[in-house]
Amino acid sequence: MTLKSTLLAGFSVLAFAVPAFADITIDDAYARSSGMSAKAGAAFFVIHNSGTEDDQLINATSDVSKLVELHTHKDMGDGVMKMMHVPEGFTIPAGGEHALARGGDHVMFMGINEGFAQGDVLTVTLTFEKAGDITVDIPVDLERKDAPMMQHGKMDHGKMDHGNMADK
């Protein structure tokens, strides 16, 4: 095989691999925790899908905590909201977006190794069914005051189930 044909073959493979990755972009990412001694924190961002097919965020990983999960809040029927793991992940519609925001869907860090400080940057790998792994550097912003996506009403933060942090 000549150098020209080897390069052409390599570029062809790359051309077929890149479009799926290019369809998914992450915007407006930030992470936070309740303070330096917090054992849990979260990341929020908007996922854009410029492709022609839906994709699914199915996992997130990072070395900043012992456990990283995709989470949401759910009304358990008694007016109390419960935070829970979403193992199937989140659908990002074709030509659309999905926001991970405070009070809604988010990436949850449990058993944080070191407290989050303003200006820190967390490296998180997001895994999508079609786009594969996308690594994102997410700045810690403890001062941001985004409005939650839901009305908290009778939200009981004491009943949020984060599991036993000591065992994570």
Protein backbone atom coordinates (compact mmCIF):
# COMPACT_ATOMS: atom_id res chain seq x y z
CA MET A 1 0.00 0.00 0.00
CA THR A 2 1.41 3.41 -0.92
CA LEU A 3 1.62 6.28 1.53
CA LYS A 4 -1.13 8.10 -0.38
CA SER A 5 -3.55 5.17 -0.20
CA THR A 6 -2.72 4.57 3.48
CA LEU A 7 -3.47 8.20 4.31
CA LEU A 8 -6.64 8.12 2.23
CA ALA A 9 -7.83 4.98 4.06
CA GLY A 10 -7.05 6.61 7.41
CA PHE A 11 -8.96 9.77 6.55
CA SER A 12 -11.91 7.69 5.33
CA VAL A 13 -12.12 5.86 8.66
CA LEU A 14 -11.88 9.18 10.52
CA ALA A 15 -14.59 10.72 8.33
CA PHE A 16 -17.02 7.96 9.32
CA ALA A 17 -16.09 8.18 13.02
CA VAL A 18 -16.27 11.96 13.48
CA PRO A 19 -19.87 12.80 12.44
CA ALA A 20 -21.50 11.04 15.42
CA PHE A 21 -19.15 12.83 17.82
CA ALA A 22 -19.72 16.16 16.09
CA ASP A 23 -23.51 15.81 16.49
CA ILE A 24 -23.30 16.14 20.29
CA THR A 25 -22.01 19.31 21.93
CA ILE A 26 -22.01 20.41 25.56
CA ASP A 27 -22.74 24.01 26.51
CA ASP A 28 -22.93 26.11 29.70
CA ALA A 29 -21.39 23.44 31.96
CA TYR A 30 -20.73 24.03 35.65
CA ALA A 31 -20.46 21.97 38.83
CA ARG A 32 -21.16 22.75 42.45
CA SER A 33 -21.37 21.30 45.93
CA SER A 34 -22.68 22.79 49.14
CA GLY A 35 -19.17 23.50 50.46
CA MET A 36 -15.65 22.21 50.96
CA SER A 37 -16.76 19.51 53.42
CA ALA A 38 -19.67 18.29 51.25
CA LYS A 39 -19.73 14.59 50.37
CA ALA A 40 -21.88 15.11 47.27
CA GLY A 41 -21.98 17.52 44.35
CA ALA A 42 -23.51 17.83 40.91
CA ALA A 43 -22.81 18.98 37.36
CA PHE A 44 -25.22 20.79 35.08
CA PHE A 45 -25.07 21.61 31.37
CA VAL A 46 -27.03 21.64 28.12
CA ILE A 47 -26.51 18.81 25.63
CA HIS A 48 -27.16 19.77 21.99
CA ASN A 49 -27.77 17.15 19.30
CA SER A 50 -27.40 18.55 15.78
CA GLY A 51 -27.79 15.06 14.28
CA THR A 52 -30.76 13.48 12.57
CA GLU A 53 -31.16 10.70 15.16
CA ASP A 54 -31.90 10.79 18.87
CA ASP A 55 -28.98 9.87 21.12
CA GLN A 56 -28.96 8.74 24.74
CA LEU A 57 -26.64 9.89 27.53
CA ILE A 58 -26.15 6.56 29.31
CA ASN A 59 -23.30 7.14 31.75
CA ALA A 60 -20.89 9.62 33.30
CA THR A 61 -17.55 8.91 34.94
CA SER A 62 -14.98 10.99 36.79
CA ASP A 63 -12.22 10.50 39.32
CA VAL A 64 -13.51 13.36 41.54
CA SER A 65 -15.74 11.03 43.55
CA LYS A 66 -16.23 7.41 44.47
CA LEU A 67 -19.50 7.18 42.55
CA VAL A 68 -20.89 9.15 39.60
CA GLU A 69 -24.48 8.65 38.46
CA LEU A 70 -27.09 10.24 36.25
CA HIS A 71 -29.84 11.54 38.56
CA THR A 72 -33.20 13.26 38.47
CA HIS A 73 -35.85 14.39 40.95
CA LYS A 74 -39.16 12.55 41.10
CA ASP A 75 -42.39 13.37 42.91
CA MET A 76 -43.15 10.29 44.97
CA GLY A 77 -46.85 11.17 45.11
CA ASP A 78 -46.92 12.67 48.59
CA GLY A 79 -45.58 16.05 47.53
CA VAL A 80 -42.05 15.09 48.56
CA MET A 81 -39.39 15.06 45.86
CA LYS A 82 -36.84 12.26 45.85
CA MET A 83 -33.51 12.35 44.08
CA MET A 84 -32.89 9.10 42.23
CA HIS A 85 -30.50 7.33 39.86
CA VAL A 86 -31.65 7.12 36.22
CA PRO A 87 -29.85 4.02 34.88
CA GLU A 88 -31.34 4.36 31.39
CA GLY A 89 -29.99 7.90 31.12
CA PHE A 90 -31.46 10.83 29.22
CA THR A 91 -32.64 11.12 25.62
CA ILE A 92 -31.20 13.95 23.55
CA PRO A 93 -33.63 14.45 20.66
CA ALA A 94 -32.42 14.80 17.09
CA GLY A 95 -32.04 18.47 16.24
CA GLY A 96 -32.77 19.34 19.86
CA GLU A 97 -31.28 19.62 23.30
CA HIS A 98 -31.62 18.32 26.83
CA ALA A 99 -30.80 20.50 29.83
CA LEU A 100 -29.28 19.08 32.99
CA ALA A 101 -30.21 21.73 35.53
CA ARG A 102 -30.64 22.29 39.24
CA GLY A 103 -33.88 20.77 40.46
CA GLY A 104 -34.02 18.40 37.46
CA ASP A 105 -31.74 15.98 35.65
CA HIS A 106 -28.05 16.20 36.58
CA VAL A 107 -24.77 14.32 36.99
CA MET A 108 -24.38 13.38 40.67
CA PHE A 109 -21.00 12.99 42.39
CA MET A 110 -21.21 10.95 45.60
CA GLY A 111 -18.34 10.43 48.00
CA ILE A 112 -16.34 13.44 46.76
CA ASN A 113 -12.60 12.86 47.16
CA GLU A 114 -11.75 16.54 47.80
CA GLY A 115 -14.11 19.45 48.33
CA PHE A 116 -15.05 21.52 45.29
CA ALA A 117 -13.51 25.01 45.38
CA GLN A 118 -14.58 27.97 43.27
CA GLY A 119 -12.66 27.86 39.98
CA ASP A 120 -11.68 24.17 40.16
CA VAL A 121 -12.13 22.23 36.94
CA LEU A 122 -13.59 18.71 36.98
CA THR A 123 -12.92 16.29 34.13
CA VAL A 124 -16.01 14.22 33.36
CA THR A 125 -16.47 11.63 30.61
CA LEU A 126 -20.00 11.42 29.25
CA THR A 127 -20.97 8.21 27.44
CA PHE A 128 -23.60 8.34 24.69
CA GLU A 129 -25.15 5.38 22.88
CA LYS A 130 -24.26 6.71 19.43
CA ALA A 131 -21.67 9.46 19.95
CA GLY A 132 -19.58 7.35 22.36
CA ASP A 133 -17.39 8.96 25.01
CA ILE A 134 -17.04 12.74 25.19
CA THR A 135 -14.71 14.19 27.83
CA VAL A 136 -15.71 17.58 29.21
CA ASP A 137 -13.84 19.94 31.55
CA ILE A 138 -16.45 21.40 33.88
CA PRO A 139 -15.65 24.49 35.98
CA VAL A 140 -16.81 24.63 39.59
CA ASP A 141 -19.05 27.65 40.16
CA LEU A 142 -20.27 27.82 43.75
CA GLU A 143 -21.70 31.32 43.26
CA ARG A 144 -24.06 30.65 40.34
CA LYS A 145 -27.71 31.20 41.23
CA ASP A 146 -29.61 29.43 38.44
CA ALA A 147 -33.30 29.07 39.16
CA PRO A 148 -34.32 25.45 39.71
CA MET A 149 -36.33 23.87 36.89
CA MET A 150 -39.13 22.80 39.22
CA GLN A 151 -41.16 24.26 42.02
CA HIS A 152 -39.73 22.80 45.21
CA GLY A 153 -42.96 23.14 47.19
CA LYS A 154 -42.73 20.55 49.95
CA MET A 155 -39.33 19.24 48.86
CA ASP A 156 -37.75 17.50 51.82
CA HIS A 157 -33.98 17.57 51.35
CA GLY A 158 -33.64 15.27 54.35
CA LYS A 159 -35.39 12.51 52.42
CA MET A 160 -33.19 12.64 49.32
CA ASP A 161 -31.69 9.21 48.90
CA HIS A 162 -27.98 9.46 48.18
CA GLY A 163 -27.26 6.07 49.68
CA ASN A 164 -24.74 5.60 52.47
CA MET A 165 -21.86 7.93 51.61
CA ALA A 166 -19.51 6.15 54.00
CA ASP A 167 -19.81 2.96 51.95
CA LYS A 168 -19.20 4.59 48.57
